[in-house]
Structure formats: C-alpha cells, structure tokens
Amino acid sequence: MGGWQDMAAEELEQQYSPSRWSPRLGPDEVIQAHLTATAAGTQRARAGVQTLLHVPYGDGDGEKLDIYLPTDPSGTFPVLVYIHGGYWQCLSSAQDTWTPWCCRCGAALPSWWSTTIGSGAVLVSGVYDLEPILHTYVNDALHMSREVAQRNSPQLHIALAAPAAAACKVLVAVAQHDSPEFRRQSQEYVLALRAAGWSVSMLDLAGVDHFDIVEKLSEESYILTQVILNMILRT
C-alpha cells in the first residue's frame, strides 16, 4: 500500500512526533522554546485587552476558556475562536489561548457552520485521521480505541456543504517542516473538503515548523496572520 499502514513502528512514531522535524532546534529545545514564546505572547495579549479568564463551558476541570475583549467592548466586533489540539494534552490554559486566531486541530465543518459559527475556518498543521495515532506513543495517554478514533476523525465525517456554506472560507495551513505524514493528512483533507463542496484552499508555509507556524501569528507581517485578518475583514 505504501501508506502509514506499511510503516515500521519506529518510523510511525517519528512521523507523528512534530518536535523531531524542526531544523532549528532539537526536540526538547523546540518544545521549550515554544512554551517560552507562547507564555510571552499570553502576557503581551493580556496587557493590551480586557480578559475573562477560566470561564467554564462544561462541568469538567479542563472545560474552561479565556475570553479576550477589545478595549471598548460596547460595539459590535468579530469573534475569533482559537482551539488548540496539541494531541489533546494541553499543558495549561495560558499556553492554549495566547492568540485566538486559528484552529490548530481538525474540524469536521458541519453544514450549519457558516450560519451559526462564522464565515471562515483556518486549520493549522492538524491531524484529520486519528487512526495512525493508535499505533504511537500518543495513545499511551489517550487510550483511544479504533472506534473512538474513527468517530473523532474529521476526515471521516465531512458533511456536504449546504448552499449557505458557500460564504464560509476554509484554509488548511501546513508547515514546510511538518513531517510527511502531517503534510499528507493536510493535503488529503483539502481534497476531501473540496469533493464535498466546501470552498477550501491550502497554504504551504515555507521556512517554518510545527511550532513557529503558530508562534509567528504574533507578527502582523506574517503571511498567515495577514490571511486570517483579511478573512475577518470580509465578514
């Protein structure tokens, strides 16, 4: 088959370990640098806006979110939701919400998205088919069964785009230095979304890895930042 099913266990572990693919730092160093960068970004963001921190949206201990409001929240303004995947093992709320500009994990994009959520989605270096993860160290903590992996794989649950969804723009972004498996998953998800009628494009970002593809969102001149801001302006 030539796919992930034919990979040896060690190779599959390598493919789904993003920190092993950064050309700028070693695995431990790139993770520490990411934590440092995102923590600093959190502090900068909180210094310039009003915040509501650790707002519960469910009954679980981890079911909380941080809300960043403009200086004057009395008028109307766009809402930006940032969902961090991180193999669903987030280290802290501060790292997860430092910049609410993109969707880091996969989204199944149901037909009601454009009318009830918003006019765009940006998916960044995501995993859209969870089955390969079952055979890696990641599942040591997740304990996913094959049934659970299939149930939660966006690639397997793409709804046909309703007519109202034509205005909903979807961008799938991937880093040059993501692993081949991460890049393959992004490419195949784009094709599947297009086949279902979604307005989707792909952005292959040169010179970045799985970590600084997000860290650079604090830079206004960064191409992904510009794309997202333009998407917001079109609403």
C-alpha atoms as a PDB file:
ATOM      1  CA  MET A   1       0.000   0.000   0.000  1.00  0.00           C
ATOM      2  CA  GLY A   2       2.878   2.363   0.657  1.00  0.00           C
ATOM      3  CA  GLY A   3       0.945   4.312   3.295  1.00  0.00           C
ATOM      4  CA  TRP A   4       1.248   4.679   7.044  1.00  0.00           C
ATOM      5  CA  GLN A   5      -0.026   1.107   7.455  1.00  0.00           C
ATOM      6  CA  ASP A   6       3.241  -0.148   5.964  1.00  0.00           C
ATOM      7  CA  MET A   7       5.490   1.881   8.237  1.00  0.00           C
ATOM      8  CA  ALA A   8       7.519   0.225  10.947  1.00  0.00           C
ATOM      9  CA  ALA A   9       6.551   1.233  14.477  1.00  0.00           C
ATOM     10  CA  GLU A  10       9.655   3.376  14.905  1.00  0.00           C
ATOM     11  CA  GLU A  11       9.019   5.256  11.668  1.00  0.00           C
ATOM     12  CA  LEU A  12       5.383   5.884  12.550  1.00  0.00           C
ATOM     13  CA  GLU A  13       6.443   7.258  15.933  1.00  0.00           C
ATOM     14  CA  GLN A  14       8.863   9.565  14.135  1.00  0.00           C
ATOM     15  CA  GLN A  15       6.202  10.795  11.726  1.00  0.00           C
ATOM     16  CA  TYR A  16       3.797  11.746  14.498  1.00  0.00           C
ATOM     17  CA  SER A  17       6.395  13.408  16.731  1.00  0.00           C
ATOM     18  CA  PRO A  18       6.382  17.027  15.479  1.00  0.00           C
ATOM     19  CA  SER A  19       9.331  18.087  17.635  1.00  0.00           C
ATOM     20  CA  ARG A  20      11.638  15.715  15.738  1.00  0.00           C
ATOM     21  CA  TRP A  21      11.202  17.587  12.466  1.00  0.00           C
ATOM     22  CA  SER A  22      12.312  21.103  13.353  1.00  0.00           C
ATOM     23  CA  PRO A  23      15.585  22.067  11.610  1.00  0.00           C
ATOM     24  CA  ARG A  24      16.264  24.928  14.006  1.00  0.00           C
ATOM     25  CA  LEU A  25      16.305  23.157  17.389  1.00  0.00           C
ATOM     26  CA  GLY A  26      16.388  19.685  18.904  1.00  0.00           C
ATOM     27  CA  PRO A  27      13.169  18.011  20.100  1.00  0.00           C
ATOM     28  CA  ASP A  28      13.385  19.126  23.726  1.00  0.00           C
ATOM     29  CA  GLU A  29      14.678  22.579  22.854  1.00  0.00           C
ATOM     30  CA  VAL A  30      11.964  23.343  20.309  1.00  0.00           C
ATOM     31  CA  ILE A  31       9.229  22.415  22.786  1.00  0.00           C
ATOM     32  CA  GLN A  32      10.777  24.596  25.495  1.00  0.00           C
ATOM     33  CA  ALA A  33      11.168  27.462  23.035  1.00  0.00           C
ATOM     34  CA  HIS A  34       7.519  27.084  22.080  1.00  0.00           C
ATOM     35  CA  LEU A  35       6.389  27.217  25.698  1.00  0.00           C
ATOM     36  CA  THR A  36       8.513  30.312  26.276  1.00  0.00           C
ATOM     37  CA  ALA A  37       7.188  32.051  23.153  1.00  0.00           C
ATOM     38  CA  THR A  38       3.554  31.298  23.853  1.00  0.00           C
ATOM     39  CA  ALA A  39       3.807  32.309  27.504  1.00  0.00           C
ATOM     40  CA  ALA A  40       5.321  35.638  26.437  1.00  0.00           C
ATOM     41  CA  GLY A  41       2.581  36.050  23.859  1.00  0.00           C
ATOM     42  CA  THR A  42      -0.036  35.456  26.524  1.00  0.00           C
ATOM     43  CA  GLN A  43       1.392  38.206  28.689  1.00  0.00           C
ATOM     44  CA  ARG A  44       1.514  40.668  25.781  1.00  0.00           C
ATOM     45  CA  ALA A  45      -2.071  39.881  24.796  1.00  0.00           C
ATOM     46  CA  ARG A  46      -3.408  40.249  28.324  1.00  0.00           C
ATOM     47  CA  ALA A  47      -1.620  43.552  28.816  1.00  0.00           C
ATOM     48  CA  GLY A  48      -3.478  45.204  25.945  1.00  0.00           C
ATOM     49  CA  VAL A  49      -7.051  43.982  26.275  1.00  0.00           C
ATOM     50  CA  GLN A  50      -9.733  43.106  28.780  1.00  0.00           C
ATOM     51  CA  THR A  51      -9.894  39.436  29.693  1.00  0.00           C
ATOM     52  CA  LEU A  52     -12.257  36.951  31.265  1.00  0.00           C
ATOM     53  CA  LEU A  53     -10.125  34.017  32.330  1.00  0.00           C
ATOM     54  CA  HIS A  54     -11.010  30.379  33.038  1.00  0.00           C
ATOM     55  CA  VAL A  55     -14.655  30.742  32.030  1.00  0.00           C
ATOM     56  CA  PRO A  56     -16.344  27.320  32.291  1.00  0.00           C
ATOM     57  CA  TYR A  57     -18.196  25.947  29.289  1.00  0.00           C
ATOM     58  CA  GLY A  58     -18.777  22.492  30.782  1.00  0.00           C
ATOM     59  CA  ASP A  59     -18.556  20.524  34.002  1.00  0.00           C
ATOM     60  CA  GLY A  60     -15.048  19.083  33.552  1.00  0.00           C
ATOM     61  CA  ASP A  61     -11.948  20.562  35.181  1.00  0.00           C
ATOM     62  CA  GLY A  62     -10.403  21.248  31.791  1.00  0.00           C
ATOM     63  CA  GLU A  63     -13.561  22.674  30.215  1.00  0.00           C
ATOM     64  CA  LYS A  64     -12.648  26.334  30.525  1.00  0.00           C
ATOM     65  CA  LEU A  65     -11.754  29.085  28.122  1.00  0.00           C
ATOM     66  CA  ASP A  66     -10.211  32.528  28.199  1.00  0.00           C
ATOM     67  CA  ILE A  67     -12.036  35.421  26.537  1.00  0.00           C
ATOM     68  CA  TYR A  68     -10.094  38.392  25.171  1.00  0.00           C
ATOM     69  CA  LEU A  69     -12.211  41.521  24.682  1.00  0.00           C
ATOM     70  CA  PRO A  70     -11.391  44.782  22.878  1.00  0.00           C
ATOM     71  CA  THR A  71     -10.671  47.856  24.955  1.00  0.00           C
ATOM     72  CA  ASP A  72     -14.185  49.100  24.223  1.00  0.00           C
ATOM     73  CA  PRO A  73     -16.478  46.068  24.055  1.00  0.00           C
ATOM     74  CA  SER A  74     -19.687  48.116  23.780  1.00  0.00           C
ATOM     75  CA  GLY A  75     -19.950  47.911  19.984  1.00  0.00           C
ATOM     76  CA  THR A  76     -20.062  45.004  17.574  1.00  0.00           C
ATOM     77  CA  PHE A  77     -16.863  43.172  16.705  1.00  0.00           C
ATOM     78  CA  PRO A  78     -15.851  39.852  15.131  1.00  0.00           C
ATOM     79  CA  VAL A  79     -15.325  36.810  17.318  1.00  0.00           C
ATOM     80  CA  LEU A  80     -12.176  34.763  16.861  1.00  0.00           C
ATOM     81  CA  VAL A  81     -12.038  31.293  18.382  1.00  0.00           C
ATOM     82  CA  TYR A  82      -8.718  29.509  18.867  1.00  0.00           C
ATOM     83  CA  ILE A  83      -8.854  25.769  19.540  1.00  0.00           C
ATOM     84  CA  HIS A  84      -5.547  24.139  20.371  1.00  0.00           C
ATOM     85  CA  GLY A  85      -5.086  20.469  19.582  1.00  0.00           C
ATOM     86  CA  GLY A  86      -1.659  19.604  20.947  1.00  0.00           C
ATOM     87  CA  TYR A  87      -2.631  15.917  20.865  1.00  0.00           C
ATOM     88  CA  TRP A  88      -5.371  16.901  23.333  1.00  0.00           C
ATOM     89  CA  GLN A  89      -2.844  17.086  26.185  1.00  0.00           C
ATOM     90  CA  CYS A  90      -2.667  20.838  26.762  1.00  0.00           C
ATOM     91  CA  LEU A  91      -0.155  21.953  29.319  1.00  0.00           C
ATOM     92  CA  SER A  92      -2.044  24.979  30.605  1.00  0.00           C
ATOM     93  CA  SER A  93      -4.708  27.474  29.684  1.00  0.00           C
ATOM     94  CA  ALA A  94      -2.084  30.184  29.274  1.00  0.00           C
ATOM     95  CA  GLN A  95      -0.283  28.284  26.501  1.00  0.00           C
ATOM     96  CA  ASP A  96      -3.526  27.285  24.813  1.00  0.00           C
ATOM     97  CA  THR A  97      -5.059  30.704  24.349  1.00  0.00           C
ATOM     98  CA  TRP A  98      -2.231  33.133  23.819  1.00  0.00           C
ATOM     99  CA  THR A  99      -3.564  34.203  20.438  1.00  0.00           C
ATOM    100  CA  PRO A 100      -7.123  33.312  19.435  1.00  0.00           C
ATOM    101  CA  TRP A 101      -6.530  33.390  15.683  1.00  0.00           C
ATOM    102  CA  CYS A 102      -6.641  29.889  14.319  1.00  0.00           C
ATOM    103  CA  CYS A 103      -7.879  26.381  14.638  1.00  0.00           C
ATOM    104  CA  ARG A 104      -4.905  24.148  15.411  1.00  0.00           C
ATOM    105  CA  CYS A 105      -6.841  20.916  15.253  1.00  0.00           C
ATOM    106  CA  GLY A 106      -9.163  19.375  12.700  1.00  0.00           C
ATOM    107  CA  ALA A 107     -12.749  20.451  12.237  1.00  0.00           C
ATOM    108  CA  ALA A 108     -15.449  18.353  10.644  1.00  0.00           C
ATOM    109  CA  LEU A 109     -17.120  21.502   9.293  1.00  0.00           C
ATOM    110  CA  PRO A 110     -20.805  20.575   9.564  1.00  0.00           C
ATOM    111  CA  SER A 111     -23.302  22.150   7.195  1.00  0.00           C
ATOM    112  CA  TRP A 112     -24.533  24.645   9.827  1.00  0.00           C
ATOM    113  CA  TRP A 113     -21.050  26.138  10.346  1.00  0.00           C
ATOM    114  CA  SER A 114     -21.470  29.242   8.200  1.00  0.00           C
ATOM    115  CA  THR A 115     -24.832  30.267   9.666  1.00  0.00           C
ATOM    116  CA  THR A 116     -24.210  29.674  13.353  1.00  0.00           C
ATOM    117  CA  ILE A 117     -20.451  29.927  13.887  1.00  0.00           C
ATOM    118  CA  GLY A 118     -18.901  32.252  11.356  1.00  0.00           C
ATOM    119  CA  SER A 119     -17.633  32.865   7.864  1.00  0.00           C
ATOM    120  CA  GLY A 120     -14.269  31.133   7.962  1.00  0.00           C
ATOM    121  CA  ALA A 121     -12.058  28.486   9.483  1.00  0.00           C
ATOM    122  CA  VAL A 122      -8.279  28.154   9.496  1.00  0.00           C
ATOM    123  CA  LEU A 123      -6.845  24.724  10.253  1.00  0.00           C
ATOM    124  CA  VAL A 124      -3.153  24.698  11.100  1.00  0.00           C
ATOM    125  CA  SER A 125      -0.938  21.595  10.942  1.00  0.00           C
ATOM    126  CA  GLY A 126      -3.746  19.340  12.017  1.00  0.00           C
ATOM    127  CA  VAL A 127      -4.320  15.589  12.239  1.00  0.00           C
ATOM    128  CA  TYR A 128      -7.547  14.734  10.448  1.00  0.00           C
ATOM    129  CA  ASP A 129      -7.392  10.936  10.511  1.00  0.00           C
ATOM    130  CA  LEU A 130      -6.679   9.711  14.033  1.00  0.00           C
ATOM    131  CA  GLU A 131      -6.188   6.041  13.299  1.00  0.00           C
ATOM    132  CA  PRO A 132      -2.387   6.218  12.807  1.00  0.00           C
ATOM    133  CA  ILE A 133      -2.100   7.704  16.296  1.00  0.00           C
ATOM    134  CA  LEU A 134      -3.442   4.486  17.781  1.00  0.00           C
ATOM    135  CA  HIS A 135      -0.103   2.884  16.975  1.00  0.00           C
ATOM    136  CA  THR A 136       2.116   5.574  18.522  1.00  0.00           C
ATOM    137  CA  TYR A 137       3.180   6.763  21.976  1.00  0.00           C
ATOM    138  CA  VAL A 138       0.479   9.448  21.796  1.00  0.00           C
ATOM    139  CA  ASN A 139      -2.194   6.865  22.505  1.00  0.00           C
ATOM    140  CA  ASP A 140      -0.464   5.778  25.722  1.00  0.00           C
ATOM    141  CA  ALA A 141      -2.144   8.771  27.343  1.00  0.00           C
ATOM    142  CA  LEU A 142      -5.278   8.994  25.205  1.00  0.00           C
ATOM    143  CA  HIS A 143      -6.305   5.324  25.349  1.00  0.00           C
ATOM    144  CA  MET A 144      -8.337   5.659  22.165  1.00  0.00           C
ATOM    145  CA  SER A 145      -9.978   2.612  20.672  1.00  0.00           C
ATOM    146  CA  ARG A 146     -10.301   2.285  16.911  1.00  0.00           C
ATOM    147  CA  GLU A 147     -13.984   3.112  17.256  1.00  0.00           C
ATOM    148  CA  VAL A 148     -13.211   6.308  19.154  1.00  0.00           C
ATOM    149  CA  ALA A 149     -10.529   7.303  16.650  1.00  0.00           C
ATOM    150  CA  GLN A 150     -12.892   6.826  13.728  1.00  0.00           C
ATOM    151  CA  ARG A 151     -15.718   8.646  15.485  1.00  0.00           C
ATOM    152  CA  ASN A 152     -13.490  11.679  16.097  1.00  0.00           C
ATOM    153  CA  SER A 153     -11.615  11.790  12.787  1.00  0.00           C
ATOM    154  CA  PRO A 154     -12.685  14.862  10.780  1.00  0.00           C
ATOM    155  CA  GLN A 155     -11.558  13.129   7.592  1.00  0.00           C
ATOM    156  CA  LEU A 156     -14.291  10.526   8.089  1.00  0.00           C
ATOM    157  CA  HIS A 157     -17.119  12.928   8.912  1.00  0.00           C
ATOM    158  CA  ILE A 158     -17.176  15.644   6.283  1.00  0.00           C
ATOM    159  CA  ALA A 159     -20.675  16.946   5.687  1.00  0.00           C
ATOM    160  CA  LEU A 160     -21.754  18.025   2.220  1.00  0.00           C
ATOM    161  CA  ALA A 161     -21.622  21.799   2.016  1.00  0.00           C
ATOM    162  CA  ALA A 162     -25.089  23.327   2.071  1.00  0.00           C
ATOM    163  CA  PRO A 163     -25.788  26.303  -0.239  1.00  0.00           C
ATOM    164  CA  ALA A 164     -25.431  28.691   2.693  1.00  0.00           C
ATOM    165  CA  ALA A 165     -21.906  27.399   3.260  1.00  0.00           C
ATOM    166  CA  ALA A 166     -20.637  28.989   0.057  1.00  0.00           C
ATOM    167  CA  ALA A 167     -19.620  32.088   2.026  1.00  0.00           C
ATOM    168  CA  CYS A 168     -17.643  30.038   4.534  1.00  0.00           C
ATOM    169  CA  LYS A 169     -13.996  30.010   3.516  1.00  0.00           C
ATOM    170  CA  VAL A 170     -11.759  27.226   4.791  1.00  0.00           C
ATOM    171  CA  LEU A 171      -7.975  27.462   4.818  1.00  0.00           C
ATOM    172  CA  VAL A 172      -5.782  24.469   5.609  1.00  0.00           C
ATOM    173  CA  ALA A 173      -2.257  25.570   6.503  1.00  0.00           C
ATOM    174  CA  VAL A 174       0.754  23.281   6.850  1.00  0.00           C
ATOM    175  CA  ALA A 175       4.403  23.929   7.641  1.00  0.00           C
ATOM    176  CA  GLN A 176       7.291  23.124   5.311  1.00  0.00           C
ATOM    177  CA  HIS A 177       8.959  21.314   8.198  1.00  0.00           C
ATOM    178  CA  ASP A 178       5.944  19.374   9.351  1.00  0.00           C
ATOM    179  CA  SER A 179       6.510  15.654   8.913  1.00  0.00           C
ATOM    180  CA  PRO A 180       5.497  13.983   5.618  1.00  0.00           C
ATOM    181  CA  GLU A 181       2.555  12.379   7.422  1.00  0.00           C
ATOM    182  CA  PHE A 182       1.275  15.711   8.748  1.00  0.00           C
ATOM    183  CA  ARG A 183       1.642  17.172   5.264  1.00  0.00           C
ATOM    184  CA  ARG A 184      -0.123  14.207   3.662  1.00  0.00           C
ATOM    185  CA  GLN A 185      -3.024  14.493   6.094  1.00  0.00           C
ATOM    186  CA  SER A 186      -3.468  18.189   5.274  1.00  0.00           C
ATOM    187  CA  GLN A 187      -3.373  17.568   1.536  1.00  0.00           C
ATOM    188  CA  GLU A 188      -5.871  14.725   1.685  1.00  0.00           C
ATOM    189  CA  TYR A 189      -8.224  16.682   3.930  1.00  0.00           C
ATOM    190  CA  VAL A 190      -8.238  19.557   1.444  1.00  0.00           C
ATOM    191  CA  LEU A 191      -9.169  17.190  -1.374  1.00  0.00           C
ATOM    192  CA  ALA A 192     -11.941  15.629   0.708  1.00  0.00           C
ATOM    193  CA  LEU A 193     -13.404  19.022   1.639  1.00  0.00           C
ATOM    194  CA  ARG A 194     -13.373  20.125  -1.994  1.00  0.00           C
ATOM    195  CA  ALA A 195     -15.103  16.923  -3.036  1.00  0.00           C
ATOM    196  CA  ALA A 196     -17.846  17.717  -0.514  1.00  0.00           C
ATOM    197  CA  GLY A 197     -18.368  21.167  -1.998  1.00  0.00           C
ATOM    198  CA  TRP A 198     -16.544  23.339   0.526  1.00  0.00           C
ATOM    199  CA  SER A 199     -14.679  26.475  -0.506  1.00  0.00           C
ATOM    200  CA  VAL A 200     -11.222  25.445   0.637  1.00  0.00           C
ATOM    201  CA  SER A 201      -7.646  26.457  -0.102  1.00  0.00           C
ATOM    202  CA  MET A 202      -4.284  25.266   1.141  1.00  0.00           C
ATOM    203  CA  LEU A 203      -1.345  27.332   2.316  1.00  0.00           C
ATOM    204  CA  ASP A 204       2.049  25.635   2.430  1.00  0.00           C
ATOM    205  CA  LEU A 205       4.215  27.890   4.579  1.00  0.00           C
ATOM    206  CA  ALA A 206       7.922  27.881   3.784  1.00  0.00           C
ATOM    207  CA  GLY A 207      10.630  28.088   6.418  1.00  0.00           C
ATOM    208  CA  VAL A 208       8.509  27.179   9.447  1.00  0.00           C
ATOM    209  CA  ASP A 209       7.987  24.073  11.545  1.00  0.00           C
ATOM    210  CA  HIS A 210       5.068  22.699  13.556  1.00  0.00           C
ATOM    211  CA  PHE A 211       5.721  25.200  16.337  1.00  0.00           C
ATOM    212  CA  ASP A 212       6.720  28.539  14.854  1.00  0.00           C
ATOM    213  CA  ILE A 213       3.934  28.265  12.256  1.00  0.00           C
ATOM    214  CA  VAL A 214       1.761  29.300  15.232  1.00  0.00           C
ATOM    215  CA  GLU A 215       4.283  31.375  17.165  1.00  0.00           C
ATOM    216  CA  LYS A 216       4.645  33.797  14.240  1.00  0.00           C
ATOM    217  CA  LEU A 217       0.966  34.700  14.406  1.00  0.00           C
ATOM    218  CA  SER A 218       2.001  37.453  16.818  1.00  0.00           C
ATOM    219  CA  GLU A 219       3.790  39.127  13.866  1.00  0.00           C
ATOM    220  CA  GLU A 220       1.476  41.364  11.842  1.00  0.00           C
ATOM    221  CA  SER A 221       3.570  40.941   8.674  1.00  0.00           C
ATOM    222  CA  TYR A 222       3.454  37.121   8.832  1.00  0.00           C
ATOM    223  CA  ILE A 223       1.565  35.791   5.821  1.00  0.00           C
ATOM    224  CA  LEU A 224      -0.759  33.566   7.847  1.00  0.00           C
ATOM    225  CA  THR A 225      -1.618  36.478  10.137  1.00  0.00           C
ATOM    226  CA  GLN A 226      -2.426  38.590   7.087  1.00  0.00           C
ATOM    227  CA  VAL A 227      -4.597  35.877   5.540  1.00  0.00           C
ATOM    228  CA  ILE A 228      -6.601  35.497   8.750  1.00  0.00           C
ATOM    229  CA  LEU A 229      -7.035  39.251   9.187  1.00  0.00           C
ATOM    230  CA  ASN A 230      -8.239  39.550   5.606  1.00  0.00           C
ATOM    231  CA  MET A 231     -10.690  36.732   6.233  1.00  0.00           C
ATOM    232  CA  ILE A 232     -12.057  38.651   9.229  1.00  0.00           C
ATOM    233  CA  LEU A 233     -12.354  41.887   7.243  1.00  0.00           C
ATOM    234  CA  ARG A 234     -14.539  40.133   4.689  1.00  0.00           C
ATOM    235  CA  THR A 235     -17.168  39.272   7.306  1.00  0.00           C
END
